[in-house]
C-alpha atoms as a PDB file:
ATOM      1  CA  UNK A   1      -0.061  19.138   3.288  1.00  0.00           C
ATOM      2  CA  UNK A   2       3.328  20.050   4.679  1.00  0.00           C
ATOM      3  CA  UNK A   3       6.794  18.582   4.493  1.00  0.00           C
ATOM      4  CA  UNK A   4       8.058  18.067   8.193  1.00  0.00           C
ATOM      5  CA  UNK A   5      11.242  16.208   9.045  1.00  0.00           C
ATOM      6  CA  UNK A   6      11.432  14.676   5.538  1.00  0.00           C
ATOM      7  CA  UNK A   7       7.766  13.437   5.719  1.00  0.00           C
ATOM      8  CA  UNK A   8       4.716  14.122   3.561  1.00  0.00           C
ATOM      9  CA  UNK A   9       2.085  15.378   6.059  1.00  0.00           C
ATOM     10  CA  UNK A  10      -1.393  14.629   4.823  1.00  0.00           C
ATOM     11  CA  UNK A  11      -4.531  16.360   5.918  1.00  0.00           C
ATOM     12  CA  UNK A  12      -6.963  13.559   5.058  1.00  0.00           C
ATOM     13  CA  UNK A  13      -9.007  15.796   2.663  1.00  0.00           C
ATOM     14  CA  UNK A  14      -7.086  16.948  -0.319  1.00  0.00           C
ATOM     15  CA  UNK A  15      -3.434  16.163   0.533  1.00  0.00           C
ATOM     16  CA  UNK A  16      -1.601  13.773  -1.725  1.00  0.00           C
ATOM     17  CA  UNK A  17       1.470  13.488  -3.947  1.00  0.00           C
ATOM     18  CA  UNK A  18       2.229  11.729  -7.214  1.00  0.00           C
ATOM     19  CA  UNK A  19       5.029  10.992  -9.671  1.00  0.00           C
ATOM     20  CA  UNK A  20       5.363   9.567 -13.060  1.00  0.00           C
ATOM     21  CA  UNK A  21       5.093   5.781 -13.079  1.00  0.00           C
ATOM     22  CA  UNK A  22       5.403   2.967 -13.257  1.00  0.00           C
ATOM     23  CA  UNK A  23       8.673   2.640 -11.402  1.00  0.00           C
ATOM     24  CA  UNK A  24       9.196  -1.118 -11.521  1.00  0.00           C
ATOM     25  CA  UNK A  25       8.432  -4.116 -13.869  1.00  0.00           C
ATOM     26  CA  UNK A  26       5.336  -5.516 -12.076  1.00  0.00           C
ATOM     27  CA  UNK A  27       5.259  -8.548 -14.239  1.00  0.00           C
ATOM     28  CA  UNK A  28       8.271  -9.816 -12.172  1.00  0.00           C
ATOM     29  CA  UNK A  29       9.100  -9.878  -8.452  1.00  0.00           C
ATOM     30  CA  UNK A  30       9.216  -6.626  -6.650  1.00  0.00           C
ATOM     31  CA  UNK A  31       9.153  -5.117  -3.070  1.00  0.00           C
ATOM     32  CA  UNK A  32       7.638  -1.852  -1.942  1.00  0.00           C
ATOM     33  CA  UNK A  33       8.012  -0.282   1.471  1.00  0.00           C
ATOM     34  CA  UNK A  34       6.925   3.021   3.194  1.00  0.00           C
ATOM     35  CA  UNK A  35       6.924   4.423   6.708  1.00  0.00           C
ATOM     36  CA  UNK A  36       3.476   5.615   7.707  1.00  0.00           C
ATOM     37  CA  UNK A  37       1.841   7.300  10.695  1.00  0.00           C
ATOM     38  CA  UNK A  38      -1.962   7.313  10.668  1.00  0.00           C
ATOM     39  CA  UNK A  39      -4.013   9.974  12.447  1.00  0.00           C
ATOM     40  CA  UNK A  40      -6.414   8.113  14.826  1.00  0.00           C
ATOM     41  CA  UNK A  41      -8.862  11.002  15.222  1.00  0.00           C
ATOM     42  CA  UNK A  42      -9.288  11.310  11.481  1.00  0.00           C
ATOM     43  CA  UNK A  43      -9.885   7.635  10.914  1.00  0.00           C
ATOM     44  CA  UNK A  44     -12.404   7.657  13.720  1.00  0.00           C
ATOM     45  CA  UNK A  45     -14.593   9.932  11.573  1.00  0.00           C
ATOM     46  CA  UNK A  46     -14.478   7.568   8.590  1.00  0.00           C
ATOM     47  CA  UNK A  47     -17.167   4.881   7.916  1.00  0.00           C
ATOM     48  CA  UNK A  48     -16.497   1.279   8.380  1.00  0.00           C
ATOM     49  CA  UNK A  49     -14.873  -0.132   5.200  1.00  0.00           C
ATOM     50  CA  UNK A  50     -13.054   3.072   4.422  1.00  0.00           C
ATOM     51  CA  UNK A  51      -9.658   2.500   2.762  1.00  0.00           C
ATOM     52  CA  UNK A  52      -6.956   5.164   3.025  1.00  0.00           C
ATOM     53  CA  UNK A  53      -4.146   4.864   0.498  1.00  0.00           C
ATOM     54  CA  UNK A  54      -0.632   4.954   1.786  1.00  0.00           C
ATOM     55  CA  UNK A  55       0.943   4.451  -1.675  1.00  0.00           C
ATOM     56  CA  UNK A  56      -0.060   2.746  -4.906  1.00  0.00           C
ATOM     57  CA  UNK A  57       0.571   2.464  -8.694  1.00  0.00           C
ATOM     58  CA  UNK A  58      -2.326   3.577 -10.786  1.00  0.00           C
ATOM     59  CA  UNK A  59      -3.648   1.263 -13.476  1.00  0.00           C
ATOM     60  CA  UNK A  60      -6.566   3.204 -15.130  1.00  0.00           C
ATOM     61  CA  UNK A  61      -9.059   3.951 -12.493  1.00  0.00           C
ATOM     62  CA  UNK A  62      -7.634   1.326 -10.058  1.00  0.00           C
ATOM     63  CA  UNK A  63      -4.263   0.341  -8.617  1.00  0.00           C
ATOM     64  CA  UNK A  64      -2.134  -2.511  -9.861  1.00  0.00           C
ATOM     65  CA  UNK A  65      -0.560  -2.578  -6.336  1.00  0.00           C
ATOM     66  CA  UNK A  66      -1.165  -0.561  -3.232  1.00  0.00           C
ATOM     67  CA  UNK A  67      -0.499  -0.290   0.536  1.00  0.00           C
ATOM     68  CA  UNK A  68      -3.625   0.601   2.503  1.00  0.00           C
ATOM     69  CA  UNK A  69      -5.078   1.368   5.935  1.00  0.00           C
ATOM     70  CA  UNK A  70      -8.576  -0.071   6.028  1.00  0.00           C
ATOM     71  CA  UNK A  71     -11.105   0.660   8.732  1.00  0.00           C
ATOM     72  CA  UNK A  72     -12.879  -2.595   9.690  1.00  0.00           C
ATOM     73  CA  UNK A  73     -14.911  -1.512  12.647  1.00  0.00           C
ATOM     74  CA  UNK A  74     -15.632   1.539  14.865  1.00  0.00           C
ATOM     75  CA  UNK A  75     -12.325   1.054  16.754  1.00  0.00           C
ATOM     76  CA  UNK A  76     -10.146  -1.113  14.518  1.00  0.00           C
ATOM     77  CA  UNK A  77      -8.127  -0.671  11.330  1.00  0.00           C
ATOM     78  CA  UNK A  78      -5.891  -3.144   9.460  1.00  0.00           C
ATOM     79  CA  UNK A  79      -2.933  -2.589   7.159  1.00  0.00           C
ATOM     80  CA  UNK A  80      -3.202  -4.242   3.702  1.00  0.00           C
ATOM     81  CA  UNK A  81      -1.135  -4.931   0.551  1.00  0.00           C
ATOM     82  CA  UNK A  82      -3.213  -5.534  -2.633  1.00  0.00           C
ATOM     83  CA  UNK A  83      -2.622  -6.471  -6.244  1.00  0.00           C
ATOM     84  CA  UNK A  84      -5.137  -6.565  -9.093  1.00  0.00           C
ATOM     85  CA  UNK A  85      -5.015  -9.106 -11.888  1.00  0.00           C
ATOM     86  CA  UNK A  86      -6.074  -8.144 -15.434  1.00  0.00           C
ATOM     87  CA  UNK A  87      -9.545  -8.916 -16.724  1.00  0.00           C
ATOM     88  CA  UNK A  88     -10.932  -8.919 -20.336  1.00  0.00           C
ATOM     89  CA  UNK A  89     -11.276  -5.532 -21.886  1.00  0.00           C
ATOM     90  CA  UNK A  90      -9.207  -3.830 -19.228  1.00  0.00           C
ATOM     91  CA  UNK A  91     -11.595  -4.727 -16.440  1.00  0.00           C
ATOM     92  CA  UNK A  92     -10.136  -6.029 -13.133  1.00  0.00           C
ATOM     93  CA  UNK A  93     -10.718  -9.792 -12.782  1.00  0.00           C
ATOM     94  CA  UNK A  94      -9.876  -9.881  -8.992  1.00  0.00           C
ATOM     95  CA  UNK A  95      -8.094  -8.128  -6.235  1.00  0.00           C
ATOM     96  CA  UNK A  96      -5.712 -10.155  -4.062  1.00  0.00           C
ATOM     97  CA  UNK A  97      -5.316  -8.865  -0.476  1.00  0.00           C
ATOM     98  CA  UNK A  98      -3.021  -9.623   2.429  1.00  0.00           C
ATOM     99  CA  UNK A  99      -3.996  -8.058   5.737  1.00  0.00           C
ATOM    100  CA  UNK A 100      -2.133  -7.374   8.963  1.00  0.00           C
ATOM    101  CA  UNK A 101      -2.534 -10.072  11.672  1.00  0.00           C
ATOM    102  CA  UNK A 102      -3.089  -7.391  14.381  1.00  0.00           C
ATOM    103  CA  UNK A 103      -4.906  -4.063  14.536  1.00  0.00           C
ATOM    104  CA  UNK A 104      -2.996  -1.170  13.087  1.00  0.00           C
ATOM    105  CA  UNK A 105      -1.533   1.131  15.752  1.00  0.00           C
ATOM    106  CA  UNK A 106      -2.273   4.791  14.918  1.00  0.00           C
ATOM    107  CA  UNK A 107      -0.340   7.870  15.900  1.00  0.00           C
ATOM    108  CA  UNK A 108       3.016   5.966  15.686  1.00  0.00           C
ATOM    109  CA  UNK A 109       5.430   5.266  12.842  1.00  0.00           C
ATOM    110  CA  UNK A 110       5.069   1.823  11.145  1.00  0.00           C
ATOM    111  CA  UNK A 111       7.157   0.299   8.352  1.00  0.00           C
ATOM    112  CA  UNK A 112       4.915  -1.408   5.856  1.00  0.00           C
ATOM    113  CA  UNK A 113       6.489  -3.670   3.313  1.00  0.00           C
ATOM    114  CA  UNK A 114       4.619  -5.439   0.383  1.00  0.00           C
ATOM    115  CA  UNK A 115       6.304  -8.274  -1.567  1.00  0.00           C
ATOM    116  CA  UNK A 116       5.191  -9.684  -4.916  1.00  0.00           C
ATOM    117  CA  UNK A 117       7.055 -12.940  -5.474  1.00  0.00           C
ATOM    118  CA  UNK A 118       7.092 -14.978  -8.601  1.00  0.00           C
ATOM    119  CA  UNK A 119       9.864 -17.446  -7.746  1.00  0.00           C
ATOM    120  CA  UNK A 120       7.802 -20.090  -5.875  1.00  0.00           C
ATOM    121  CA  UNK A 121       4.846 -20.005  -8.295  1.00  0.00           C
ATOM    122  CA  UNK A 122       4.178 -20.418 -11.970  1.00  0.00           C
ATOM    123  CA  UNK A 123       5.200 -16.790 -12.550  1.00  0.00           C
ATOM    124  CA  UNK A 124       1.827 -15.182 -11.805  1.00  0.00           C
ATOM    125  CA  UNK A 125       2.748 -14.251  -8.259  1.00  0.00           C
ATOM    126  CA  UNK A 126       2.292 -14.498  -4.535  1.00  0.00           C
ATOM    127  CA  UNK A 127       1.844 -11.619  -2.090  1.00  0.00           C
ATOM    128  CA  UNK A 128       3.358 -10.953   1.300  1.00  0.00           C
ATOM    129  CA  UNK A 129       2.891  -8.231   3.849  1.00  0.00           C
ATOM    130  CA  UNK A 130       5.342  -7.221   6.634  1.00  0.00           C
ATOM    131  CA  UNK A 131       4.583  -4.832   9.440  1.00  0.00           C
ATOM    132  CA  UNK A 132       7.732  -3.516  11.238  1.00  0.00           C
ATOM    133  CA  UNK A 133       9.532  -6.393   9.696  1.00  0.00           C
ATOM    134  CA  UNK A 134       7.125  -9.042  10.931  1.00  0.00           C
ATOM    135  CA  UNK A 135       5.608 -11.255   8.158  1.00  0.00           C
ATOM    136  CA  UNK A 136       1.805 -11.347   8.287  1.00  0.00           C
ATOM    137  CA  UNK A 137      -0.090 -14.588   7.627  1.00  0.00           C
ATOM    138  CA  UNK A 138      -2.475 -14.465   4.613  1.00  0.00           C
ATOM    139  CA  UNK A 139      -6.190 -14.635   5.447  1.00  0.00           C
ATOM    140  CA  UNK A 140      -6.827 -16.703   2.292  1.00  0.00           C
ATOM    141  CA  UNK A 141      -5.172 -17.685  -0.988  1.00  0.00           C
ATOM    142  CA  UNK A 142      -2.687 -15.104  -2.340  1.00  0.00           C
ATOM    143  CA  UNK A 143      -1.770 -16.833  -5.545  1.00  0.00           C
ATOM    144  CA  UNK A 144      -2.398 -14.493  -8.536  1.00  0.00           C
ATOM    145  CA  UNK A 145      -4.122 -15.765 -11.650  1.00  0.00           C
ATOM    146  CA  UNK A 146      -2.383 -13.100 -13.688  1.00  0.00           C
ATOM    147  CA  UNK A 147      -0.340 -10.021 -13.322  1.00  0.00           C
ATOM    148  CA  UNK A 148      -1.109  -6.390 -14.164  1.00  0.00           C
ATOM    149  CA  UNK A 149       1.435  -3.722 -15.051  1.00  0.00           C
ATOM    150  CA  UNK A 150       0.491  -0.295 -13.818  1.00  0.00           C
ATOM    151  CA  UNK A 151       0.536   2.479 -16.448  1.00  0.00           C
ATOM    152  CA  UNK A 152      -0.348   5.600 -14.567  1.00  0.00           C
ATOM    153  CA  UNK A 153       1.187   7.740 -11.782  1.00  0.00           C
ATOM    154  CA  UNK A 154       2.656   6.481  -8.533  1.00  0.00           C
ATOM    155  CA  UNK A 155       0.435   7.989  -5.877  1.00  0.00           C
ATOM    156  CA  UNK A 156       0.928   8.736  -2.107  1.00  0.00           C
ATOM    157  CA  UNK A 157      -1.783   9.547   0.344  1.00  0.00           C
ATOM    158  CA  UNK A 158      -4.710   9.315  -2.046  1.00  0.00           C
ATOM    159  CA  UNK A 159      -5.537  10.459  -5.610  1.00  0.00           C
ATOM    160  CA  UNK A 160      -7.023  13.711  -6.651  1.00  0.00           C
ATOM    161  CA  UNK A 161     -10.735  13.680  -7.750  1.00  0.00           C
ATOM    162  CA  UNK A 162     -12.445  16.397  -9.638  1.00  0.00           C
ATOM    163  CA  UNK A 163     -11.664  19.898  -8.665  1.00  0.00           C
ATOM    164  CA  UNK A 164     -13.171  20.877  -5.352  1.00  0.00           C
ATOM    165  CA  UNK A 165     -14.211  17.315  -4.345  1.00  0.00           C
ATOM    166  CA  UNK A 166     -11.223  16.362  -2.243  1.00  0.00           C
ATOM    167  CA  UNK A 167      -9.047  13.293  -2.516  1.00  0.00           C
ATOM    168  CA  UNK A 168     -10.162   9.707  -3.185  1.00  0.00           C
ATOM    169  CA  UNK A 169      -8.966   7.300  -0.401  1.00  0.00           C
ATOM    170  CA  UNK A 170      -7.428  10.240   1.505  1.00  0.00           C
ATOM    171  CA  UNK A 171      -5.014   9.437   4.254  1.00  0.00           C
ATOM    172  CA  UNK A 172      -4.637  11.662   7.282  1.00  0.00           C
ATOM    173  CA  UNK A 173      -1.225  11.315   8.865  1.00  0.00           C
ATOM    174  CA  UNK A 174       2.259  11.230   7.341  1.00  0.00           C
ATOM    175  CA  UNK A 175       4.266   9.111   4.896  1.00  0.00           C
ATOM    176  CA  UNK A 176       7.980   9.003   4.359  1.00  0.00           C
ATOM    177  CA  UNK A 177      10.771   6.797   2.876  1.00  0.00           C
ATOM    178  CA  UNK A 178       8.742   5.287   0.026  1.00  0.00           C
ATOM    179  CA  UNK A 179      10.989   2.840  -1.649  1.00  0.00           C
ATOM    180  CA  UNK A 180      10.586   0.229  -4.470  1.00  0.00           C
ATOM    181  CA  UNK A 181      13.045  -2.574  -5.296  1.00  0.00           C
ATOM    182  CA  UNK A 182      13.173  -5.125  -8.158  1.00  0.00           C
ATOM    183  CA  UNK A 183      13.037  -8.670  -6.704  1.00  0.00           C
ATOM    184  CA  UNK A 184      11.110 -10.173  -3.749  1.00  0.00           C
ATOM    185  CA  UNK A 185      12.920  -9.679  -0.410  1.00  0.00           C
ATOM    186  CA  UNK A 186      12.964 -12.510   2.053  1.00  0.00           C
ATOM    187  CA  UNK A 187      11.965 -11.966   5.695  1.00  0.00           C
ATOM    188  CA  UNK A 188      15.711 -11.698   6.591  1.00  0.00           C
ATOM    189  CA  UNK A 189      16.314  -9.035   3.833  1.00  0.00           C
ATOM    190  CA  UNK A 190      13.311  -7.042   4.952  1.00  0.00           C
ATOM    191  CA  UNK A 191      14.672  -6.824   8.482  1.00  0.00           C
ATOM    192  CA  UNK A 192      18.217  -6.072   7.272  1.00  0.00           C
ATOM    193  CA  UNK A 193      17.511  -3.604   4.524  1.00  0.00           C
ATOM    194  CA  UNK A 194      14.072  -2.161   5.227  1.00  0.00           C
ATOM    195  CA  UNK A 195      13.308  -1.822   8.889  1.00  0.00           C
ATOM    196  CA  UNK A 196      15.208   1.137  10.474  1.00  0.00           C
ATOM    197  CA  UNK A 197      17.293   0.826  13.535  1.00  0.00           C
ATOM    198  CA  UNK A 198      15.544   1.732  16.778  1.00  0.00           C
ATOM    199  CA  UNK A 199      16.088   5.337  17.748  1.00  0.00           C
END
């Protein structure tokens, strides 16, 4: 894991970073964004169904919210934004997922933005995902039946497992400009405040 040009460069094996969390009130509306570049060769070696963590908020052994890269077939991956709702006794009742409309493009920088909105619902929440500022259509219901507040660390690139066993959900590539805001950004605000100007 190296820092290059302000980026966290991840080896897909043990590389990751973490900070004390939570960083936002997840019972209300919030927005999270990160620029990510996935390594195509590393993902090609992963099994179908593998999920690489871009960034997420720990809640016990799970994540209350997370941005992911998920391998769905031999030659295709999708970006995802997930939230878990609380279950009895601390168990997760369900995970709500919004996936990208198109295949993820590896080896290039992508701006991922996840939005948890409570304004248009009964307060439990609705999810949205933006890829380079373009809002993705949900592949199913995204209404939350409850909200879960993370209690653990904020993690980037995966989470350390037991010593010598590598990193759970390890991401190979690079991440930079991880940002979290209170409040749900509209599509207009995502384009204005999140997506960088073309170089």
